[in-house]
């Protein structure tokens, strides 16, 4: 555990079947409902909250939930905000060490729905998929609550990345995923330094590049219930530039 990851996570007991990683920064209004809804999916579900020292008290709330749902909720406290990508690297790495059958990642703000998570887990269970990706942009998928320009940016970003990288994934920027733990090891998480959209694109691309099977499941993406979006222009530009670096490495046959 790096110096920025300050608190040891209490052990999950029993070992969860599905461990759901939820990164947070100022999500105090959203955390309680999303955690309780995920846990309500079944006794095999557990949650790992990765909080980047939220000034609004989200970390303290997460600790309270870990006490209330002892053995089913863990909290990783980090020293400060380092970006979504670094939070996911820390959380997914720690989740893999806990030994669950499947590891999921989802947002805290209810843009990702627990009911869709259950369907994604079912697909991961019934197939030999290395990664199940919740997609807004295949038949049956939808996006609600976004203005037209944000929908256009999201769709265009996915198409742009897919064309450059030559992969048949409609929602490369999507961050709602269910992983086989072995897949996370194979793609070498700790060498990924991209953030936001770039992190989501690179993890899916690495899965495909290492021969992994990706299944796409339609989801309904709903704009956040409370709080403010953390999307920034920097994150969009980083992703747009990063895909060319991935493409170059692909052409040259270089490892990550």
C-alpha atoms as a PDB file:
ATOM      1  CA  UNK A   1       0.000   0.000   0.000  1.00  0.00           C
ATOM      2  CA  UNK A   2       1.434   3.361  -1.016  1.00  0.00           C
ATOM      3  CA  UNK A   3       1.948   6.241   1.469  1.00  0.00           C
ATOM      4  CA  UNK A   4      -1.135   7.993   0.074  1.00  0.00           C
ATOM      5  CA  UNK A   5      -3.329   5.047   1.084  1.00  0.00           C
ATOM      6  CA  UNK A   6      -3.604   5.689   4.776  1.00  0.00           C
ATOM      7  CA  UNK A   7      -5.896   3.146   6.353  1.00  0.00           C
ATOM      8  CA  UNK A   8      -5.855  -0.638   6.253  1.00  0.00           C
ATOM      9  CA  UNK A   9      -9.131  -2.122   5.088  1.00  0.00           C
ATOM     10  CA  UNK A  10     -10.786  -4.525   7.541  1.00  0.00           C
ATOM     11  CA  UNK A  11     -11.102  -8.066   6.181  1.00  0.00           C
ATOM     12  CA  UNK A  12     -14.266  -9.099   4.397  1.00  0.00           C
ATOM     13  CA  UNK A  13     -15.960 -12.005   6.142  1.00  0.00           C
ATOM     14  CA  UNK A  14     -16.901 -14.228   4.515  1.00  0.00           C
ATOM     15  CA  UNK A  15     -14.923 -13.749   1.298  1.00  0.00           C
ATOM     16  CA  UNK A  16     -17.355 -11.953  -1.039  1.00  0.00           C
ATOM     17  CA  UNK A  17     -18.549 -13.506  -4.247  1.00  0.00           C
ATOM     18  CA  UNK A  18     -18.737 -10.049  -5.868  1.00  0.00           C
ATOM     19  CA  UNK A  19     -16.680  -7.177  -4.468  1.00  0.00           C
ATOM     20  CA  UNK A  20     -17.813  -3.784  -5.784  1.00  0.00           C
ATOM     21  CA  UNK A  21     -15.261  -0.950  -5.843  1.00  0.00           C
ATOM     22  CA  UNK A  22     -16.814   2.517  -5.494  1.00  0.00           C
ATOM     23  CA  UNK A  23     -14.467   5.548  -5.583  1.00  0.00           C
ATOM     24  CA  UNK A  24     -15.712   8.671  -3.822  1.00  0.00           C
ATOM     25  CA  UNK A  25     -14.908  12.337  -3.562  1.00  0.00           C
ATOM     26  CA  UNK A  26     -17.620  14.521  -2.007  1.00  0.00           C
ATOM     27  CA  UNK A  27     -20.406  11.953  -2.402  1.00  0.00           C
ATOM     28  CA  UNK A  28     -21.959  12.229   1.051  1.00  0.00           C
ATOM     29  CA  UNK A  29     -25.517  12.500  -0.326  1.00  0.00           C
ATOM     30  CA  UNK A  30     -25.106   9.475  -2.595  1.00  0.00           C
ATOM     31  CA  UNK A  31     -23.037   6.954  -0.665  1.00  0.00           C
ATOM     32  CA  UNK A  32     -25.611   5.534   1.753  1.00  0.00           C
ATOM     33  CA  UNK A  33     -28.259   4.694  -0.875  1.00  0.00           C
ATOM     34  CA  UNK A  34     -25.811   3.200  -3.386  1.00  0.00           C
ATOM     35  CA  UNK A  35     -24.117   1.000  -0.778  1.00  0.00           C
ATOM     36  CA  UNK A  36     -27.386  -0.263   0.688  1.00  0.00           C
ATOM     37  CA  UNK A  37     -28.815  -1.004  -2.765  1.00  0.00           C
ATOM     38  CA  UNK A  38     -25.717  -2.954  -3.804  1.00  0.00           C
ATOM     39  CA  UNK A  39     -25.736  -4.990  -0.594  1.00  0.00           C
ATOM     40  CA  UNK A  40     -29.448  -5.699  -1.112  1.00  0.00           C
ATOM     41  CA  UNK A  41     -28.561  -7.620  -4.294  1.00  0.00           C
ATOM     42  CA  UNK A  42     -27.560 -10.568  -2.116  1.00  0.00           C
ATOM     43  CA  UNK A  43     -25.370 -11.841   0.673  1.00  0.00           C
ATOM     44  CA  UNK A  44     -22.545 -12.518  -1.772  1.00  0.00           C
ATOM     45  CA  UNK A  45     -22.082  -8.809  -2.515  1.00  0.00           C
ATOM     46  CA  UNK A  46     -19.649  -6.585  -0.632  1.00  0.00           C
ATOM     47  CA  UNK A  47     -18.464  -3.009  -1.191  1.00  0.00           C
ATOM     48  CA  UNK A  48     -15.044  -1.379  -1.049  1.00  0.00           C
ATOM     49  CA  UNK A  49     -15.261   2.428  -0.821  1.00  0.00           C
ATOM     50  CA  UNK A  50     -12.127   4.277  -1.953  1.00  0.00           C
ATOM     51  CA  UNK A  51     -12.308   7.795  -0.567  1.00  0.00           C
ATOM     52  CA  UNK A  52      -9.812  10.498  -1.505  1.00  0.00           C
ATOM     53  CA  UNK A  53     -10.135  12.481   1.751  1.00  0.00           C
ATOM     54  CA  UNK A  54     -13.462  14.082   0.812  1.00  0.00           C
ATOM     55  CA  UNK A  55     -13.864  17.405   2.634  1.00  0.00           C
ATOM     56  CA  UNK A  56     -17.652  16.910   2.878  1.00  0.00           C
ATOM     57  CA  UNK A  57     -17.369  13.954   5.287  1.00  0.00           C
ATOM     58  CA  UNK A  58     -17.896  11.105   2.823  1.00  0.00           C
ATOM     59  CA  UNK A  59     -14.996   9.193   4.367  1.00  0.00           C
ATOM     60  CA  UNK A  60     -16.511   9.353   7.851  1.00  0.00           C
ATOM     61  CA  UNK A  61     -19.850   8.159   6.481  1.00  0.00           C
ATOM     62  CA  UNK A  62     -18.071   5.276   4.768  1.00  0.00           C
ATOM     63  CA  UNK A  63     -16.502   4.304   8.098  1.00  0.00           C
ATOM     64  CA  UNK A  64     -19.942   4.342   9.700  1.00  0.00           C
ATOM     65  CA  UNK A  65     -21.273   2.047   6.972  1.00  0.00           C
ATOM     66  CA  UNK A  66     -18.316  -0.282   7.476  1.00  0.00           C
ATOM     67  CA  UNK A  67     -19.288  -0.514  11.140  1.00  0.00           C
ATOM     68  CA  UNK A  68     -22.971  -1.026  10.396  1.00  0.00           C
ATOM     69  CA  UNK A  69     -22.326  -3.644   7.722  1.00  0.00           C
ATOM     70  CA  UNK A  70     -19.307  -5.267   9.346  1.00  0.00           C
ATOM     71  CA  UNK A  71     -17.598  -7.749   7.056  1.00  0.00           C
ATOM     72  CA  UNK A  72     -19.438  -6.514   3.960  1.00  0.00           C
ATOM     73  CA  UNK A  73     -18.194  -2.914   3.627  1.00  0.00           C
ATOM     74  CA  UNK A  74     -14.555  -1.877   3.634  1.00  0.00           C
ATOM     75  CA  UNK A  75     -13.035   1.583   3.293  1.00  0.00           C
ATOM     76  CA  UNK A  76      -9.719   2.600   1.795  1.00  0.00           C
ATOM     77  CA  UNK A  77      -8.824   6.141   2.851  1.00  0.00           C
ATOM     78  CA  UNK A  78      -6.369   8.006   0.663  1.00  0.00           C
ATOM     79  CA  UNK A  79      -4.485  11.187   1.537  1.00  0.00           C
ATOM     80  CA  UNK A  80      -6.038  13.385  -1.126  1.00  0.00           C
ATOM     81  CA  UNK A  81      -7.601  13.667  -4.544  1.00  0.00           C
ATOM     82  CA  UNK A  82      -5.321  12.091  -7.148  1.00  0.00           C
ATOM     83  CA  UNK A  83      -7.861  11.412  -9.867  1.00  0.00           C
ATOM     84  CA  UNK A  84     -10.310   8.641 -10.660  1.00  0.00           C
ATOM     85  CA  UNK A  85      -7.719   6.469 -12.376  1.00  0.00           C
ATOM     86  CA  UNK A  86      -5.399   6.302  -9.362  1.00  0.00           C
ATOM     87  CA  UNK A  87      -8.336   5.631  -7.043  1.00  0.00           C
ATOM     88  CA  UNK A  88      -9.418   2.716  -9.223  1.00  0.00           C
ATOM     89  CA  UNK A  89      -5.897   1.300  -9.432  1.00  0.00           C
ATOM     90  CA  UNK A  90      -5.691   1.314  -5.633  1.00  0.00           C
ATOM     91  CA  UNK A  91      -9.181  -0.068  -5.127  1.00  0.00           C
ATOM     92  CA  UNK A  92      -9.072  -2.770  -7.777  1.00  0.00           C
ATOM     93  CA  UNK A  93      -5.639  -3.920  -6.627  1.00  0.00           C
ATOM     94  CA  UNK A  94      -6.830  -4.217  -3.043  1.00  0.00           C
ATOM     95  CA  UNK A  95     -10.059  -5.902  -4.153  1.00  0.00           C
ATOM     96  CA  UNK A  96      -8.125  -8.562  -6.057  1.00  0.00           C
ATOM     97  CA  UNK A  97      -6.105  -9.329  -2.926  1.00  0.00           C
ATOM     98  CA  UNK A  98      -9.367  -9.996  -1.036  1.00  0.00           C
ATOM     99  CA  UNK A  99      -9.992 -13.033  -3.248  1.00  0.00           C
ATOM    100  CA  UNK A 100     -13.546 -12.560  -4.614  1.00  0.00           C
ATOM    101  CA  UNK A 101     -14.824 -14.494  -7.613  1.00  0.00           C
ATOM    102  CA  UNK A 102     -15.704 -11.250  -9.438  1.00  0.00           C
ATOM    103  CA  UNK A 103     -14.753  -7.584  -9.008  1.00  0.00           C
ATOM    104  CA  UNK A 104     -17.045  -4.782 -10.133  1.00  0.00           C
ATOM    105  CA  UNK A 105     -16.468  -1.051 -10.494  1.00  0.00           C
ATOM    106  CA  UNK A 106     -19.204   1.551 -10.482  1.00  0.00           C
ATOM    107  CA  UNK A 107     -19.852   5.208  -9.716  1.00  0.00           C
ATOM    108  CA  UNK A 108     -21.249   6.387  -6.395  1.00  0.00           C
ATOM    109  CA  UNK A 109     -23.727   8.842  -7.890  1.00  0.00           C
ATOM    110  CA  UNK A 110     -26.409   6.422  -9.152  1.00  0.00           C
ATOM    111  CA  UNK A 111     -25.493   6.988 -12.772  1.00  0.00           C
ATOM    112  CA  UNK A 112     -24.816   3.231 -12.627  1.00  0.00           C
ATOM    113  CA  UNK A 113     -27.788   1.215 -11.411  1.00  0.00           C
ATOM    114  CA  UNK A 114     -27.488  -1.791  -9.057  1.00  0.00           C
ATOM    115  CA  UNK A 115     -30.167  -3.615 -11.077  1.00  0.00           C
ATOM    116  CA  UNK A 116     -27.896  -3.386 -14.129  1.00  0.00           C
ATOM    117  CA  UNK A 117     -24.990  -4.610 -11.997  1.00  0.00           C
ATOM    118  CA  UNK A 118     -26.918  -7.782 -11.185  1.00  0.00           C
ATOM    119  CA  UNK A 119     -27.467  -8.453 -14.905  1.00  0.00           C
ATOM    120  CA  UNK A 120     -23.789  -7.859 -15.646  1.00  0.00           C
ATOM    121  CA  UNK A 121     -22.760 -10.269 -12.888  1.00  0.00           C
ATOM    122  CA  UNK A 122     -25.121 -12.866 -14.368  1.00  0.00           C
ATOM    123  CA  UNK A 123     -23.418 -12.525 -17.765  1.00  0.00           C
ATOM    124  CA  UNK A 124     -19.978 -12.797 -16.151  1.00  0.00           C
ATOM    125  CA  UNK A 125     -21.156 -15.952 -14.377  1.00  0.00           C
ATOM    126  CA  UNK A 126     -22.770 -17.576 -17.409  1.00  0.00           C
ATOM    127  CA  UNK A 127     -19.983 -16.873 -19.918  1.00  0.00           C
ATOM    128  CA  UNK A 128     -16.198 -17.055 -20.040  1.00  0.00           C
ATOM    129  CA  UNK A 129     -15.948 -13.267 -20.411  1.00  0.00           C
ATOM    130  CA  UNK A 130     -12.850 -11.694 -18.910  1.00  0.00           C
ATOM    131  CA  UNK A 131     -14.636  -8.336 -18.680  1.00  0.00           C
ATOM    132  CA  UNK A 132     -18.318  -7.441 -18.791  1.00  0.00           C
ATOM    133  CA  UNK A 133     -18.854  -3.832 -19.834  1.00  0.00           C
ATOM    134  CA  UNK A 134     -22.065  -1.925 -19.209  1.00  0.00           C
ATOM    135  CA  UNK A 135     -22.805  -0.094 -22.452  1.00  0.00           C
ATOM    136  CA  UNK A 136     -25.014   2.897 -23.101  1.00  0.00           C
ATOM    137  CA  UNK A 137     -24.605   2.622 -26.836  1.00  0.00           C
ATOM    138  CA  UNK A 138     -25.729  -0.853 -27.853  1.00  0.00           C
ATOM    139  CA  UNK A 139     -29.322  -1.976 -28.436  1.00  0.00           C
ATOM    140  CA  UNK A 140     -31.251  -1.622 -25.196  1.00  0.00           C
ATOM    141  CA  UNK A 141     -28.834   0.908 -23.682  1.00  0.00           C
ATOM    142  CA  UNK A 142     -29.812   4.468 -22.848  1.00  0.00           C
ATOM    143  CA  UNK A 143     -28.587   7.741 -21.333  1.00  0.00           C
ATOM    144  CA  UNK A 144     -30.991   9.870 -19.315  1.00  0.00           C
ATOM    145  CA  UNK A 145     -30.703  13.351 -17.880  1.00  0.00           C
ATOM    146  CA  UNK A 146     -27.791  14.563 -20.013  1.00  0.00           C
ATOM    147  CA  UNK A 147     -28.094  17.594 -22.325  1.00  0.00           C
ATOM    148  CA  UNK A 148     -27.635  16.827 -26.014  1.00  0.00           C
ATOM    149  CA  UNK A 149     -24.107  18.246 -26.185  1.00  0.00           C
ATOM    150  CA  UNK A 150     -22.836  15.985 -23.413  1.00  0.00           C
ATOM    151  CA  UNK A 151     -24.412  12.952 -25.083  1.00  0.00           C
ATOM    152  CA  UNK A 152     -22.731  14.000 -28.330  1.00  0.00           C
ATOM    153  CA  UNK A 153     -19.319  14.358 -26.659  1.00  0.00           C
ATOM    154  CA  UNK A 154     -19.632  10.950 -25.012  1.00  0.00           C
ATOM    155  CA  UNK A 155     -20.731   9.169 -28.192  1.00  0.00           C
ATOM    156  CA  UNK A 156     -18.130  10.929 -30.319  1.00  0.00           C
ATOM    157  CA  UNK A 157     -15.391  10.079 -27.815  1.00  0.00           C
ATOM    158  CA  UNK A 158     -16.248   6.398 -27.943  1.00  0.00           C
ATOM    159  CA  UNK A 159     -16.397   6.334 -31.735  1.00  0.00           C
ATOM    160  CA  UNK A 160     -13.136   8.279 -32.015  1.00  0.00           C
ATOM    161  CA  UNK A 161     -11.288   5.939 -29.649  1.00  0.00           C
ATOM    162  CA  UNK A 162     -12.739   2.830 -31.265  1.00  0.00           C
ATOM    163  CA  UNK A 163     -11.720   3.897 -34.757  1.00  0.00           C
ATOM    164  CA  UNK A 164      -8.156   4.747 -33.760  1.00  0.00           C
ATOM    165  CA  UNK A 165      -7.665   1.573 -31.732  1.00  0.00           C
ATOM    166  CA  UNK A 166      -9.576  -0.703 -34.084  1.00  0.00           C
ATOM    167  CA  UNK A 167     -11.733  -2.344 -31.431  1.00  0.00           C
ATOM    168  CA  UNK A 168     -15.433  -3.301 -31.711  1.00  0.00           C
ATOM    169  CA  UNK A 169     -16.575  -1.696 -28.460  1.00  0.00           C
ATOM    170  CA  UNK A 170     -19.353   0.896 -28.633  1.00  0.00           C
ATOM    171  CA  UNK A 171     -18.799   2.460 -25.208  1.00  0.00           C
ATOM    172  CA  UNK A 172     -15.046   2.614 -24.646  1.00  0.00           C
ATOM    173  CA  UNK A 173     -15.369   5.501 -22.195  1.00  0.00           C
ATOM    174  CA  UNK A 174     -17.803   3.561 -20.002  1.00  0.00           C
ATOM    175  CA  UNK A 175     -16.731   2.886 -16.417  1.00  0.00           C
ATOM    176  CA  UNK A 176     -19.362   0.335 -15.317  1.00  0.00           C
ATOM    177  CA  UNK A 177     -17.497  -2.993 -15.395  1.00  0.00           C
ATOM    178  CA  UNK A 178     -17.345  -6.487 -13.936  1.00  0.00           C
ATOM    179  CA  UNK A 179     -13.913  -8.131 -13.976  1.00  0.00           C
ATOM    180  CA  UNK A 180     -12.460 -11.561 -13.540  1.00  0.00           C
ATOM    181  CA  UNK A 181      -9.647 -10.969 -11.014  1.00  0.00           C
ATOM    182  CA  UNK A 182      -7.125 -12.743 -13.268  1.00  0.00           C
ATOM    183  CA  UNK A 183      -7.850 -10.189 -15.995  1.00  0.00           C
ATOM    184  CA  UNK A 184      -6.844  -7.313 -13.734  1.00  0.00           C
ATOM    185  CA  UNK A 185      -3.552  -9.049 -13.047  1.00  0.00           C
ATOM    186  CA  UNK A 186      -2.928  -9.681 -16.732  1.00  0.00           C
ATOM    187  CA  UNK A 187      -3.418  -6.058 -17.800  1.00  0.00           C
ATOM    188  CA  UNK A 188      -0.889  -4.798 -15.215  1.00  0.00           C
ATOM    189  CA  UNK A 189      -3.066  -2.219 -13.469  1.00  0.00           C
ATOM    190  CA  UNK A 190      -0.278  -0.434 -11.632  1.00  0.00           C
ATOM    191  CA  UNK A 191       1.383   0.639 -14.879  1.00  0.00           C
ATOM    192  CA  UNK A 192      -1.731   2.594 -15.916  1.00  0.00           C
ATOM    193  CA  UNK A 193      -1.500   6.317 -15.192  1.00  0.00           C
ATOM    194  CA  UNK A 194      -4.399   7.662 -17.258  1.00  0.00           C
ATOM    195  CA  UNK A 195      -7.349   9.279 -15.501  1.00  0.00           C
ATOM    196  CA  UNK A 196     -11.087   9.461 -16.137  1.00  0.00           C
ATOM    197  CA  UNK A 197     -12.092   8.519 -19.677  1.00  0.00           C
ATOM    198  CA  UNK A 198      -8.506   7.570 -20.483  1.00  0.00           C
ATOM    199  CA  UNK A 199      -8.411   5.017 -17.672  1.00  0.00           C
ATOM    200  CA  UNK A 200     -11.629   3.400 -18.858  1.00  0.00           C
ATOM    201  CA  UNK A 201     -10.434   3.255 -22.461  1.00  0.00           C
ATOM    202  CA  UNK A 202      -7.028   1.841 -21.586  1.00  0.00           C
ATOM    203  CA  UNK A 203      -8.253  -0.911 -19.269  1.00  0.00           C
ATOM    204  CA  UNK A 204     -10.731  -2.184 -21.855  1.00  0.00           C
ATOM    205  CA  UNK A 205      -8.155  -1.911 -24.638  1.00  0.00           C
ATOM    206  CA  UNK A 206      -5.547  -3.807 -22.635  1.00  0.00           C
ATOM    207  CA  UNK A 207      -8.066  -6.570 -21.964  1.00  0.00           C
ATOM    208  CA  UNK A 208      -8.689  -7.002 -25.683  1.00  0.00           C
ATOM    209  CA  UNK A 209      -5.002  -6.674 -26.559  1.00  0.00           C
ATOM    210  CA  UNK A 210      -4.086  -9.536 -24.217  1.00  0.00           C
ATOM    211  CA  UNK A 211      -6.643 -11.823 -25.832  1.00  0.00           C
ATOM    212  CA  UNK A 212      -9.415 -11.234 -23.315  1.00  0.00           C
ATOM    213  CA  UNK A 213     -13.089 -11.600 -24.127  1.00  0.00           C
ATOM    214  CA  UNK A 214     -15.283  -8.550 -23.512  1.00  0.00           C
ATOM    215  CA  UNK A 215     -19.069  -8.896 -23.290  1.00  0.00           C
ATOM    216  CA  UNK A 216     -21.220  -5.782 -23.623  1.00  0.00           C
ATOM    217  CA  UNK A 217     -24.463  -5.518 -21.637  1.00  0.00           C
ATOM    218  CA  UNK A 218     -26.970  -2.701 -22.241  1.00  0.00           C
ATOM    219  CA  UNK A 219     -27.422  -0.344 -19.289  1.00  0.00           C
ATOM    220  CA  UNK A 220     -29.419   2.781 -18.549  1.00  0.00           C
ATOM    221  CA  UNK A 221     -27.045   5.559 -17.519  1.00  0.00           C
ATOM    222  CA  UNK A 222     -28.778   8.243 -15.451  1.00  0.00           C
ATOM    223  CA  UNK A 223     -27.253  11.625 -14.659  1.00  0.00           C
ATOM    224  CA  UNK A 224     -26.153  11.929 -11.045  1.00  0.00           C
ATOM    225  CA  UNK A 225     -28.821  12.240  -8.367  1.00  0.00           C
ATOM    226  CA  UNK A 226     -26.883  14.644  -6.113  1.00  0.00           C
ATOM    227  CA  UNK A 227     -23.586  16.514  -6.117  1.00  0.00           C
ATOM    228  CA  UNK A 228     -21.664  17.897  -9.043  1.00  0.00           C
ATOM    229  CA  UNK A 229     -19.955  16.221 -11.968  1.00  0.00           C
ATOM    230  CA  UNK A 230     -16.174  15.857 -11.803  1.00  0.00           C
ATOM    231  CA  UNK A 231     -15.719  15.780 -15.584  1.00  0.00           C
ATOM    232  CA  UNK A 232     -13.103  18.303 -16.690  1.00  0.00           C
ATOM    233  CA  UNK A 233     -11.708  19.508 -20.002  1.00  0.00           C
ATOM    234  CA  UNK A 234      -8.300  18.130 -18.977  1.00  0.00           C
ATOM    235  CA  UNK A 235      -9.710  14.610 -18.656  1.00  0.00           C
ATOM    236  CA  UNK A 236     -11.274  14.790 -22.129  1.00  0.00           C
ATOM    237  CA  UNK A 237      -8.085  16.103 -23.744  1.00  0.00           C
ATOM    238  CA  UNK A 238      -5.955  13.506 -21.949  1.00  0.00           C
ATOM    239  CA  UNK A 239      -8.099  10.690 -23.322  1.00  0.00           C
ATOM    240  CA  UNK A 240      -8.067  12.119 -26.856  1.00  0.00           C
ATOM    241  CA  UNK A 241      -4.253  12.237 -26.884  1.00  0.00           C
ATOM    242  CA  UNK A 242      -3.717   8.977 -25.007  1.00  0.00           C
ATOM    243  CA  UNK A 243      -5.422   6.775 -27.597  1.00  0.00           C
ATOM    244  CA  UNK A 244      -2.732   7.704 -30.137  1.00  0.00           C
ATOM    245  CA  UNK A 245      -0.064   6.517 -27.721  1.00  0.00           C
ATOM    246  CA  UNK A 246      -1.910   3.230 -27.285  1.00  0.00           C
ATOM    247  CA  UNK A 247      -2.221   2.864 -31.042  1.00  0.00           C
ATOM    248  CA  UNK A 248       1.497   3.505 -31.550  1.00  0.00           C
ATOM    249  CA  UNK A 249       2.422   0.867 -28.998  1.00  0.00           C
ATOM    250  CA  UNK A 250       0.010  -1.526 -30.676  1.00  0.00           C
ATOM    251  CA  UNK A 251       1.601  -0.960 -34.096  1.00  0.00           C
ATOM    252  CA  UNK A 252       5.124  -1.329 -32.698  1.00  0.00           C
ATOM    253  CA  UNK A 253       4.190  -4.424 -30.701  1.00  0.00           C
ATOM    254  CA  UNK A 254       5.564  -2.933 -27.500  1.00  0.00           C
ATOM    255  CA  UNK A 255       4.452  -3.984 -24.008  1.00  0.00           C
ATOM    256  CA  UNK A 256       2.795  -1.481 -21.720  1.00  0.00           C
END
